Protein backbone atom coordinates (compact mmCIF):
# COMPACT_ATOMS: atom_id res chain seq x y z
CA MET A 1 132.88 155.73 40.92
CA SER A 2 132.14 154.90 44.49
CA THR A 3 128.71 155.86 46.03
CA THR A 4 127.94 156.51 49.66
CA THR A 5 124.46 155.80 51.10
CA ARG A 6 122.86 157.34 54.14
CA ASN A 7 123.16 154.10 56.04
CA GLN A 8 126.88 154.19 55.43
CA THR A 9 127.58 157.82 56.46
CA LEU A 10 124.88 158.62 59.06
CA PRO A 11 125.79 157.39 62.53
CA SER A 12 123.30 154.97 64.03
CA SER A 13 122.82 157.05 67.20
CA MET A 14 121.82 160.07 65.14
CA GLU A 15 119.55 158.01 62.89
CA SER A 16 117.85 156.46 65.91
CA LYS A 17 117.07 159.85 67.43
CA LEU A 18 115.98 161.26 64.07
CA ARG A 19 113.54 158.40 63.64
CA SER A 20 112.19 158.81 67.16
CA ILE A 21 111.69 162.55 66.71
CA ARG A 22 110.12 162.14 63.24
CA LYS A 23 107.72 159.55 64.60
CA ARG A 24 106.65 161.88 67.38
CA LEU A 25 106.23 164.79 64.93
CA ILE A 26 104.11 162.69 62.57
CA GLY A 27 101.90 161.61 65.47
CA ARG A 28 101.42 165.18 66.66
CA CYS A 29 100.63 166.38 63.13
CA LEU A 30 98.08 163.64 62.72
CA VAL A 31 96.46 164.43 66.07
CA ARG A 32 96.27 168.12 65.16
CA ALA A 33 94.80 167.44 61.72
CA LEU A 34 92.27 164.97 63.07
CA ALA A 35 91.25 167.37 65.83
CA ILE A 36 90.69 170.17 63.32
CA GLY A 37 88.76 167.87 60.96
CA ALA A 38 86.64 166.51 63.81
CA SER A 39 85.93 170.04 65.08
CA VAL A 40 84.76 171.12 61.65
CA LEU A 41 82.61 167.99 61.34
CA ILE A 42 81.00 168.52 64.76
CA LEU A 43 80.25 172.17 64.03
CA LEU A 44 78.75 171.35 60.64
CA MET A 45 76.79 168.49 62.20
CA ILE A 46 75.28 170.90 64.73
CA VAL A 47 74.43 173.35 61.96
CA SER A 48 72.86 170.55 59.89
CA MET A 49 70.76 169.36 62.82
CA ILE A 50 69.59 172.93 63.47
CA ILE A 51 68.61 173.27 59.81
CA ASP A 52 66.81 169.93 59.92
CA TRP A 53 65.04 170.93 63.12
CA SER A 54 64.01 174.34 61.81
CA LEU A 55 62.96 173.37 58.29
CA MET A 56 61.74 169.83 59.02
CA LEU A 57 63.63 168.26 56.15
CA PHE A 58 61.44 165.37 55.10
CA SER A 59 63.37 164.81 51.89
CA PRO A 60 66.16 162.20 52.23
CA VAL A 61 68.00 163.99 49.41
CA ALA A 62 68.19 167.22 51.42
CA ARG A 63 69.40 165.42 54.53
CA MET A 64 71.90 163.43 52.50
CA SER A 65 73.22 166.65 50.98
CA LEU A 66 73.83 168.10 54.45
CA THR A 67 75.54 164.94 55.68
CA ILE A 68 77.75 164.49 52.61
CA GLY A 69 78.58 168.21 52.53
CA SER A 70 79.60 168.14 56.18
CA LEU A 71 81.77 165.06 55.72
CA LEU A 72 83.48 166.43 52.62
CA THR A 73 84.17 169.75 54.32
CA ALA A 74 85.61 167.96 57.35
CA VAL A 75 87.86 165.85 55.10
CA LEU A 76 89.06 168.98 53.30
CA ALA A 77 89.78 170.65 56.64
CA LEU A 78 91.71 167.56 57.76
CA LEU A 79 93.78 167.57 54.57
CA TRP A 80 94.39 171.30 54.80
CA ALA A 81 95.52 171.03 58.43
CA GLY A 82 97.66 167.91 57.98
CA TYR A 83 99.18 167.90 54.50
CA ARG A 84 101.99 170.45 54.88
CA PRO A 85 102.95 169.58 58.47
CA LEU A 86 103.03 165.89 57.62
CA SER A 87 105.06 166.53 54.49
CA ARG A 88 107.63 168.41 56.54
CA ALA A 89 107.61 165.83 59.35
CA LEU A 90 108.26 163.01 56.91
CA GLY A 91 111.42 164.69 55.65
CA TRP A 92 114.78 164.02 57.42
CA THR A 93 116.10 167.47 56.68
CA ASP A 94 113.25 169.25 58.39
CA THR A 95 113.65 167.02 61.44
CA ALA A 96 117.38 167.77 61.62
CA LYS A 97 116.70 171.48 61.26
CA ARG A 98 114.23 171.33 64.15
CA ILE A 99 116.91 169.62 66.28
CA ASP A 100 119.46 172.32 65.43
CA ASP A 101 116.94 175.08 66.09
CA GLU A 102 116.00 173.67 69.49
CA THR A 103 119.66 172.92 70.40
CA PRO A 104 121.75 176.02 69.55
CA LEU A 105 125.00 174.39 70.81
CA LEU A 106 124.89 171.99 67.89
CA GLU A 107 125.45 174.90 65.52
CA GLU A 108 123.65 173.07 62.67
CA ARG A 109 125.97 170.06 62.86
CA TRP A 110 123.04 167.62 62.53
CA THR A 111 121.74 169.41 59.45
CA THR A 112 125.20 169.34 57.85
CA VAL A 113 125.77 165.65 58.55
CA LEU A 114 122.28 164.73 57.29
CA THR A 115 122.70 166.81 54.14
CA TYR A 116 125.91 164.97 53.15
CA SER A 117 124.44 161.61 54.11
CA GLU A 118 121.60 162.09 51.65
CA ARG A 119 123.95 162.83 48.76
CA ASP A 120 125.10 160.13 46.37
CA THR A 121 128.74 161.25 46.69
CA GLY A 122 130.72 162.60 49.58
CA PRO A 123 133.36 165.41 49.61
CA HIS A 124 135.87 165.23 46.73
CA ASN A 125 139.02 166.24 48.59
CA SER A 126 140.65 164.95 51.73
CA THR A 127 140.29 168.21 53.65
CA ALA A 128 136.55 168.26 53.15
CA ARG A 129 136.28 164.63 54.12
CA ALA A 130 138.31 165.30 57.26
CA MET A 131 136.15 168.24 58.17
CA LEU A 132 132.96 166.14 57.63
CA GLN A 133 134.34 163.40 59.88
CA LEU A 134 135.14 165.99 62.54
CA VAL A 135 131.63 167.51 62.34
CA THR A 136 130.09 164.06 62.45
CA SER A 137 132.04 163.03 65.52
CA GLU A 138 131.12 166.28 67.26
CA ALA A 139 127.43 165.79 66.36
CA VAL A 140 127.52 162.29 67.79
CA ALA A 141 129.32 163.48 70.89
CA MET A 142 126.76 166.20 71.48
CA GLY A 143 123.85 163.78 70.86
CA GLU A 144 123.11 163.72 74.57
CA LEU A 145 121.84 167.28 74.22
CA VAL A 146 119.11 166.18 71.82
CA GLU A 147 115.84 165.32 73.65
CA PRO A 148 113.22 163.78 71.31
CA ARG A 149 110.33 164.74 73.62
CA LYS A 150 111.39 168.37 73.69
CA ILE A 151 112.00 168.54 69.94
CA SER A 152 108.61 167.03 69.13
CA ARG A 153 106.91 169.78 71.14
CA THR A 154 107.63 172.20 68.35
CA VAL A 155 104.38 170.88 66.80
CA LEU A 156 101.70 171.58 69.39
CA PRO A 157 98.17 170.12 68.78
CA ARG A 158 97.00 171.71 72.01
CA ASN A 159 94.89 174.47 70.42
CA ALA A 160 93.29 172.01 68.02
CA LEU A 161 92.47 169.69 70.91
CA PHE A 162 91.01 172.55 72.93
CA THR A 163 88.89 173.51 69.93
CA LEU A 164 87.75 169.91 69.58
CA ALA A 165 86.86 169.76 73.26
CA GLY A 166 84.85 172.97 72.90
CA CYS A 167 83.00 171.55 69.89
CA VAL A 168 82.25 168.35 71.80
CA LEU A 169 80.88 170.36 74.72
CA LEU A 170 78.84 172.49 72.34
CA CYS A 171 77.41 169.38 70.70
CA ALA A 172 76.62 167.85 74.08
CA GLY A 173 74.86 171.04 75.14
CA PHE A 174 72.84 171.08 71.94
CA LEU A 175 71.82 167.45 72.38
CA ALA A 176 70.85 168.13 75.99
CA LEU A 177 68.40 170.86 74.95
CA ASN A 178 65.75 168.33 73.99
CA TRP A 179 67.20 164.83 73.98
CA PRO A 180 64.10 163.05 72.57
CA GLN A 181 64.21 165.41 69.59
CA THR A 182 67.95 166.01 69.19
CA SER A 183 68.78 162.31 69.47
CA ILE A 184 66.53 161.74 66.46
CA LEU A 185 68.25 164.61 64.62
CA LEU A 186 71.60 162.96 65.35
CA GLN A 187 70.38 159.66 63.93
CA ARG A 188 68.93 161.40 60.87
CA PHE A 189 72.28 163.09 60.25
CA TRP A 190 74.26 159.85 60.28
CA ASN A 191 71.58 157.86 58.47
CA PRO A 192 69.91 160.39 56.18
CA THR A 193 68.14 157.87 53.96
CA ALA A 194 66.37 156.09 56.82
CA LYS A 195 62.86 157.08 57.85
CA ILE A 196 63.73 158.22 61.36
CA THR A 197 61.44 160.67 63.16
CA ALA A 198 60.85 161.65 66.76
CA THR A 199 57.12 161.83 66.09
CA GLN A 200 55.18 159.17 64.20
CA LEU A 201 51.84 159.90 62.57
CA GLU A 202 49.60 157.19 61.17
CA SER A 203 46.45 158.03 59.24
CA MET A 204 43.59 155.86 60.43
CA THR A 205 41.34 157.14 57.65
CA GLY A 206 43.68 156.27 54.80
CA ASP A 207 42.36 156.21 51.25
CA LEU A 208 38.60 156.50 50.88
CA SER A 209 35.90 156.47 48.25
CA VAL A 210 32.78 158.21 49.54
CA PRO A 211 29.59 159.57 47.97
CA ARG A 212 29.79 163.21 47.00
CA GLY A 213 28.26 165.40 49.66
CA GLU A 214 28.94 163.01 52.54
CA THR A 215 30.82 164.17 55.65
CA ILE A 216 33.93 162.21 56.64
CA GLU A 217 36.31 162.39 59.59
CA LEU A 218 40.04 162.46 58.95
CA MET A 219 41.84 160.83 61.88
CA ALA A 220 45.53 160.31 62.60
CA ASN A 221 47.14 158.65 65.63
CA LEU A 222 50.21 160.19 67.24
CA SER A 223 53.09 158.22 68.77
CA GLY A 224 56.66 158.95 69.82
CA LEU A 225 57.39 162.53 70.83
CA SER A 226 54.07 164.15 71.71
CA ARG A 227 52.85 167.16 69.73
CA ASP A 228 50.02 169.56 70.55
CA GLU A 229 49.56 170.91 67.05
CA ALA A 230 49.51 169.53 63.54
CA ARG A 231 49.09 170.88 60.04
CA LEU A 232 46.60 169.39 57.60
CA THR A 233 47.32 170.02 53.93
CA ILE A 234 44.51 169.37 51.45
CA LYS A 235 44.99 169.43 47.67
CA PHE A 236 41.65 169.54 45.91
CA GLU A 237 41.03 168.13 42.45
CA SER A 238 40.03 171.60 41.24
CA GLY A 239 43.59 172.83 41.87
CA THR A 240 43.02 174.77 45.09
CA ASN A 241 44.99 173.96 48.24
CA GLU A 242 44.14 174.39 51.90
CA VAL A 243 46.38 174.30 54.97
CA LEU A 244 44.52 173.92 58.26
CA PRO A 245 45.98 174.01 61.79
CA LEU A 246 44.80 171.19 64.04
CA LYS A 247 44.81 170.62 67.78
CA THR A 248 44.88 167.25 69.47
CA ASP A 249 41.52 165.74 70.32
CA SER A 250 40.27 166.81 73.74
CA GLU A 251 39.27 163.24 74.58
CA SER A 252 42.46 161.65 73.24
CA PRO A 253 45.67 163.74 73.25
CA GLN A 254 47.32 161.18 70.97
CA ARG A 255 44.87 161.77 68.13
CA PHE A 256 44.09 164.47 65.57
CA LEU A 257 40.59 164.76 64.11
CA HIS A 258 39.08 166.88 61.36
CA SER A 259 35.64 166.61 59.77
CA LEU A 260 34.80 167.92 56.32
CA ARG A 261 32.18 167.55 53.62
CA VAL A 262 33.37 165.82 50.47
CA ASN A 263 32.30 167.94 47.51
CA GLU A 264 35.19 166.91 45.27
CA SER A 265 38.10 164.48 45.26
CA PHE A 266 41.26 165.53 47.11
CA GLN A 267 44.58 164.44 48.61
CA TYR A 268 45.51 165.10 52.21
CA GLN A 269 48.53 164.85 54.51
CA LEU A 270 49.02 165.57 58.22
CA VAL A 271 52.30 166.92 59.57
CA ALA A 272 53.16 167.20 63.27
CA GLY A 273 56.72 168.17 64.13
CA ASP A 274 59.03 165.93 62.13
CA GLY A 275 56.33 163.29 61.69
CA ARG A 276 53.97 163.15 58.77
CA THR A 277 51.58 160.76 57.11
CA ALA A 278 51.78 159.65 53.53
CA TRP A 279 49.61 161.41 50.97
CA HIS A 280 46.19 159.77 50.99
CA HIS A 281 43.40 160.08 48.46
CA VAL A 282 39.70 160.67 49.05
CA THR A 283 37.63 160.03 45.92
CA ALA A 284 34.22 161.66 45.63
CA LEU A 285 31.75 159.27 44.03
CA ASP A 286 28.54 160.36 42.35
CA TYR A 287 25.23 158.65 42.91
CA PRO A 288 23.88 157.17 39.70
CA ARG A 289 20.96 159.07 38.25
CA LEU A 290 18.85 159.05 35.13
CA ASP A 291 20.19 161.55 32.64
CA GLU A 292 17.53 161.03 29.98
CA ILE A 293 13.97 159.76 30.45
CA ARG A 294 11.17 159.11 27.98
CA PHE A 295 7.99 158.08 29.77
CA THR A 296 5.33 157.15 27.22
CA VAL A 297 1.81 155.80 27.65
CA ILE A 298 0.20 154.61 24.40
CA PRO A 299 -3.60 154.47 24.77
CA PRO A 300 -5.73 151.91 22.90
CA ALA A 301 -6.23 152.83 19.28
CA TYR A 302 -10.04 152.95 19.56
CA LEU A 303 -9.78 155.87 21.98
CA LYS A 304 -8.19 158.01 19.28
CA ARG A 305 -6.24 159.89 21.94
CA GLU A 306 -2.80 161.39 21.74
CA VAL A 307 0.15 159.57 23.24
CA TYR A 308 0.98 160.67 26.79
CA GLU A 309 4.71 161.44 26.90
CA LYS A 310 6.92 163.03 29.55
CA SER A 311 10.65 163.64 29.92
CA TRP A 312 10.48 162.60 33.57
CA ILE A 313 8.85 159.87 35.60
CA PRO A 314 5.61 161.27 37.03
CA SER A 315 4.72 160.33 40.58
CA ARG A 316 1.14 159.43 39.64
CA VAL A 317 -0.67 158.85 36.38
CA LYS A 318 -4.07 157.51 35.32
CA VAL A 319 -4.39 155.38 32.20
CA VAL A 320 -7.11 153.40 30.45
CA GLN A 321 -6.94 149.66 30.77
CA GLY A 322 -5.26 148.20 27.72
CA SER A 323 -2.74 151.03 27.34
CA ARG A 324 0.96 150.24 26.99
CA LEU A 325 3.81 151.77 28.94
CA LEU A 326 7.11 152.42 27.17
CA LEU A 327 9.88 153.65 29.44
CA VAL A 328 13.31 154.47 28.01
CA MET A 329 15.96 155.53 30.54
CA LYS A 330 19.58 156.47 30.09
CA PRO A 331 21.80 156.81 33.20
CA ASP A 332 24.63 159.31 33.49
CA MET A 333 27.26 156.60 34.09
CA PRO A 334 27.91 152.91 33.42
CA LEU A 335 25.98 150.72 35.84
CA GLU A 336 26.64 147.44 37.57
CA ARG A 337 22.94 146.61 37.31
CA PHE A 338 19.62 148.25 36.51
CA ASP A 339 16.43 146.81 38.00
CA VAL A 340 12.82 147.91 37.79
CA LYS A 341 10.82 147.19 40.90
CA LEU A 342 7.16 146.41 40.16
CA ALA A 343 4.33 146.27 42.68
CA HIS A 344 1.12 144.86 41.14
CA GLU A 345 -2.18 145.66 42.84
CA PRO A 346 -4.78 143.20 41.51
CA VAL A 347 -8.40 143.91 42.35
CA ASP A 348 -9.12 140.44 43.70
CA GLY A 349 -5.81 139.55 45.34
CA ASP A 350 -2.88 140.59 47.48
CA PRO A 351 -0.20 142.93 46.09
CA ILE A 352 2.56 141.15 44.17
CA GLN A 353 6.11 142.51 44.03
CA GLU A 354 8.79 141.56 41.57
CA SER A 355 12.06 142.95 40.25
CA LEU A 356 13.05 142.87 36.60
CA ALA A 357 16.69 143.21 35.54
CA LEU A 358 17.24 145.33 32.45
CA LYS A 359 20.08 145.13 29.98
CA PRO A 360 21.62 148.20 28.32
CA GLY A 361 21.18 148.90 24.63
CA LYS A 362 23.86 149.97 22.21
CA ASN A 363 23.68 153.63 23.22
CA GLY A 364 23.68 152.81 26.95
CA SER A 365 19.93 153.30 27.40
CA TYR A 366 17.55 150.84 29.06
CA ARG A 367 14.15 150.04 27.56
CA PHE A 368 11.14 148.78 29.47
CA GLU A 369 7.71 148.00 27.97
CA LEU A 370 4.61 146.75 29.74
CA PRO A 371 0.85 146.36 29.05
CA LEU A 372 -1.22 148.18 31.66
CA VAL A 373 -4.02 145.96 32.90
CA GLU A 374 -4.12 146.60 36.64
CA ASN A 375 -2.86 149.15 39.11
CA LEU A 376 0.85 149.00 39.76
CA SER A 377 3.86 150.96 40.98
CA ILE A 378 7.16 151.29 39.12
CA GLU A 379 10.49 152.24 40.68
CA PRO A 380 13.84 152.21 38.81
CA LEU A 381 16.74 150.91 40.93
CA LEU A 382 20.24 151.85 39.74
CA GLN A 383 23.52 150.49 41.10
CA SER A 384 26.84 151.97 39.99
CA VAL A 385 30.07 150.02 39.55
CA ASP A 386 31.15 151.53 42.90
CA GLY A 387 28.14 149.98 44.62
CA LEU A 388 26.12 153.19 45.05
CA ALA A 389 22.35 153.15 44.51
CA ASN A 390 20.40 156.04 43.04
CA GLU A 391 19.79 158.56 45.77
CA ASN A 392 16.73 160.11 44.11
CA ARG A 393 14.15 157.33 44.06
CA GLN A 394 11.52 157.97 41.38
CA LEU A 395 8.38 156.03 42.25
CA CYS A 396 5.49 156.14 39.80
CA ARG A 397 2.04 154.82 40.72
CA ILE A 398 -0.07 153.97 37.71
CA GLU A 399 -3.82 153.80 38.25
CA VAL A 400 -5.47 151.68 35.55
CA ILE A 401 -9.09 152.68 34.84
CA PRO A 402 -11.25 149.91 33.36
CA ASP A 403 -13.26 150.81 30.26
CA VAL A 404 -16.86 150.26 31.62
CA ALA A 405 -19.89 149.85 29.38
CA PRO A 406 -21.79 152.99 28.36
CA ILE A 407 -25.03 153.92 30.16
CA ALA A 408 -28.28 154.99 28.45
CA ARG A 409 -31.52 156.28 30.06
CA VAL A 410 -34.92 156.96 28.51
CA ILE A 411 -36.20 160.34 29.62
CA THR A 412 -39.64 160.30 27.96
CA PRO A 413 -41.90 158.48 28.05
CA ASN A 414 -41.02 157.55 31.61
CA ASP A 415 -44.08 155.59 32.70
CA GLU A 416 -46.74 153.23 31.38
CA THR A 417 -48.82 154.90 28.68
CA ALA A 418 -51.93 153.81 26.77
CA VAL A 419 -51.71 154.66 23.11
CA ALA A 420 -53.59 153.92 19.91
CA ASP A 421 -52.14 151.40 17.50
CA ASP A 422 -51.43 154.12 14.96
CA ASP A 423 -49.84 156.72 17.26
CA VAL A 424 -46.30 158.05 16.83
CA VAL A 425 -44.46 158.08 20.17
CA LYS A 426 -41.66 160.63 20.69
CA ILE A 427 -38.76 159.14 22.67
CA GLU A 428 -36.05 161.26 24.36
CA PHE A 429 -32.96 159.67 25.89
CA GLU A 430 -29.46 160.41 27.18
CA ALA A 431 -26.32 158.30 27.14
CA HIS A 432 -22.93 158.49 28.86
CA ASP A 433 -19.54 156.87 28.21
CA ASP A 434 -16.03 157.66 29.43
CA HIS A 435 -14.63 157.61 25.93
CA GLY A 436 -17.50 158.28 23.51
CA ILE A 437 -20.80 156.89 22.17
CA GLU A 438 -20.41 155.15 18.83
CA THR A 439 -23.96 153.89 18.06
CA ALA A 440 -27.49 153.94 19.52
CA GLU A 441 -30.39 151.57 18.91
CA LEU A 442 -34.07 151.50 19.89
CA VAL A 443 -35.06 148.04 21.11
CA ILE A 444 -38.79 147.13 21.23
CA TYR A 445 -39.87 144.25 23.48
CA ASN A 446 -43.17 142.26 23.47
CA GLU A 447 -44.28 142.24 27.09
CA SER A 448 -47.53 140.35 26.39
CA THR A 449 -45.78 137.02 25.80
CA ARG A 450 -43.16 137.42 28.55
CA GLU A 451 -42.78 134.47 30.89
CA ASP A 452 -41.73 134.76 34.52
CA GLY A 453 -37.96 134.83 34.97
CA LYS A 454 -37.26 135.19 31.27
CA GLU A 455 -36.35 138.06 29.01
CA PRO A 456 -39.20 139.46 26.83
CA GLU A 457 -39.27 138.82 23.10
CA VAL A 458 -37.57 141.42 20.93
CA LEU A 459 -40.02 142.68 18.34
CA GLU A 460 -37.68 145.00 16.50
CA VAL A 461 -34.36 146.83 16.74
CA ARG A 462 -34.14 150.20 15.04
CA PRO A 463 -30.91 152.23 14.64
CA ILE A 464 -30.93 155.78 15.95
CA ASP A 465 -29.12 158.47 14.01
CA LEU A 466 -26.92 160.38 16.48
CA LYS A 467 -25.89 162.85 13.81
CA GLU A 468 -23.15 165.17 15.06
CA GLN A 469 -23.15 163.61 18.55
CA VAL A 470 -21.28 160.52 17.41
CA HIS A 471 -18.18 159.88 19.59
CA GLN A 472 -19.42 162.32 22.22
CA LYS A 473 -19.11 161.32 25.87
CA HIS A 474 -22.56 162.74 26.74
CA VAL A 475 -25.37 162.34 24.25
CA MET A 476 -28.86 163.92 24.44
CA ALA A 477 -30.98 162.69 21.49
CA GLU A 478 -34.51 161.76 20.46
CA THR A 479 -36.26 159.43 18.02
CA GLU A 480 -39.83 158.49 17.04
CA LEU A 481 -41.66 155.17 17.22
CA ASP A 482 -44.47 154.68 14.65
CA LEU A 483 -46.74 152.09 16.22
CA LYS A 484 -48.60 151.51 12.98
CA LYS A 485 -45.52 149.84 11.53
CA LEU A 486 -45.43 147.33 14.38
CA ASP A 487 -48.88 145.89 13.51
CA LEU A 488 -49.87 145.66 17.15
CA LYS A 489 -53.07 143.98 18.32
CA PRO A 490 -55.53 145.62 20.70
CA GLY A 491 -54.41 145.18 24.32
CA GLN A 492 -50.88 144.14 23.39
CA GLN A 493 -48.16 145.51 25.72
CA ILE A 494 -44.74 146.59 24.57
CA SER A 495 -41.68 148.13 26.24
CA ILE A 496 -38.84 150.12 24.78
CA ALA A 497 -35.17 150.59 25.65
CA VAL A 498 -32.26 152.50 24.18
CA ARG A 499 -29.08 150.51 23.70
CA VAL A 500 -25.81 152.33 23.04
CA THR A 501 -22.24 151.15 22.33
CA ASP A 502 -18.94 152.91 22.83
CA ASN A 503 -16.19 153.21 20.28
CA ARG A 504 -14.28 150.23 21.58
CA GLN A 505 -14.58 147.25 19.34
CA LEU A 506 -13.16 144.20 21.10
CA THR A 507 -13.68 140.68 19.96
CA SER A 508 -13.97 137.82 22.42
CA ALA A 509 -10.45 136.73 21.47
CA GLU A 510 -9.13 140.18 22.34
CA ARG A 511 -10.86 140.06 25.70
CA GLU A 512 -9.27 136.69 26.48
CA ARG A 513 -5.89 138.04 25.43
CA MET A 514 -6.28 141.03 27.75
CA ALA A 515 -7.05 138.71 30.65
CA ALA A 516 -3.96 136.64 29.86
CA LEU A 517 -1.82 139.77 29.84
CA ALA A 518 -3.15 140.60 33.25
CA ARG A 519 -1.92 137.27 34.55
CA GLU A 520 1.46 137.24 32.87
CA LEU A 521 3.39 140.49 32.68
CA LYS A 522 6.40 140.32 30.48
CA ASN A 523 9.26 142.70 30.23
CA ALA A 524 10.27 143.68 26.71
CA VAL A 525 13.69 145.25 26.28
C-alpha cells in the first residue's frame, strides 16, 4: 500500500502561507493571554498593596500569601485566556478554515486540500483523484487572494491590551498617591520575606532590669517616612495588656517618649505606620530585704534577767556590759553578699568602723554573734545577685552600760560622837546598785593608830543581815554595834563604814578576759 504525506500532497505555496498565518495567530494569542494575565496580576497587586497598607501586615507569611495568591491567579488567568486559542492556532485545519472564512471566493478549497493532505491515503478512484488535483490547482491559483496579515487579524488582542494599559495607568496612579509609602508597598509585594518598611523604629531603651517602683522612660527613634503618632503596646506579667497612643516628642519630632512606673515585669512594642520595634522586656527587680529576724541580747548570768528578744532590729537598745548579741537574719532571696557594718565607739579613742562578711547557713539564714563591751552601731548590708542593695537600711545603736560598783551611805550616826565603852550604837544605812545588793558588812576602823597618808587599821568586819532586801536595788537597813565586845580603851577613837557588794561575782581572770574582748571583737557564724 502506498502512503501519501502532507509534504507530498500540499503545495509549497499553500504551506508557506499557512505557516505564516499560523505564526501570526500564535503570536497574537500569546500577546492576548499575556495581556490578560498581566492585567489580573496588576489588579491583584494593587489590591494586595491596599490590604497591606490598611492592615499593616507585619507577618511575612501574610504578605507571602498575598503575593503567591496573586501570581497563581495571574497564571491561571493566562492559561485560561491562552490555552484554547493557542490550541486552535497550532492546528492546520483551523488555520485553513480561517483562510476560507476570510476569503469566500476560495469556497473552502484550502480546507479541502489540507484535509486530504493530512490523511495517510488519498482518494481511491481516479475521478476523486482528478477532482482533488483540480481543487488543488485552483487553490494554488487563487493563493494571491490570501493575505496573511488580514487573516491573522481574526484574533484581536486589542481589548486585552487596552485593559492592560488601563491597569498600568491605575497602578501608576496608585503609586503616585504617596510614593514614599507605595514604593515600599511595591517592594514588600515582590519581596514579601524581606524586612522592608517605609518607617523604621528603633527602641533606644531596649531590654531593662530595674528596681521595682522605679520610673523609666521608654524611647524610640524614628527614621524613614515620618509619623506623627505611634502605638505603644504593653503586656504585663499579670496578664493584662495596655495600648497607649503616643505623639512625637515636642523637642524632637523624630522621637517617641513615654514614662511609666515599673510595678511589675512587662513586654513592650512601639508601632508607627508600617514600622515597629521588636518586643523588648523590662524586668522588675526586688530590693533584698530581711524576711526573718531574731535579735537577741543575752544578759550576764549574775543579773538573773530574762533574755531580750525581738523579731526586728530595734533602732536603739541599752544593754549591760558583758551581754552577748545574737543576731539571726534570713533574707527573702539569695544574696551575692551579706555584710554587717560595725561602728565601735570606745570611751578613750576615736570611732572604729569595720565590715564583716557573713556566710549563709544551711537554711539560708545568716548568724552573727558578738560580746557587747562598748557602744557600737550595727547595720546589715545586703546585696542581691542583680547588684541591688537593701533599700530599707536598719541601723541599730547599742549603748553599753558599765556595771559600776554599788554605793552605801551611813545615815546615823552622821557625826563624831562620844560614847561609853559599853554602849550599843544603832547604825542606819542605805545602799544602791543598778542590779541588786548581794551582801553588806560593817567595817570598824581604829583611828587612834592611823598614820598620815595611810588607811586606818581594820579592827573588825561584821556581816549585816539584809533579810528580805537581798538582791534589791535600793536597800534601807540597820544594825547595832556593841562597843563592849570591841574591848576599847578610854580615849580610843574608832570609825565605822558600811561595805556592800552587788550580785556580780567576777574573778580577776574574768575581768582580764572582758578587757581582751573589748580589744578584739570576733564574729561567730
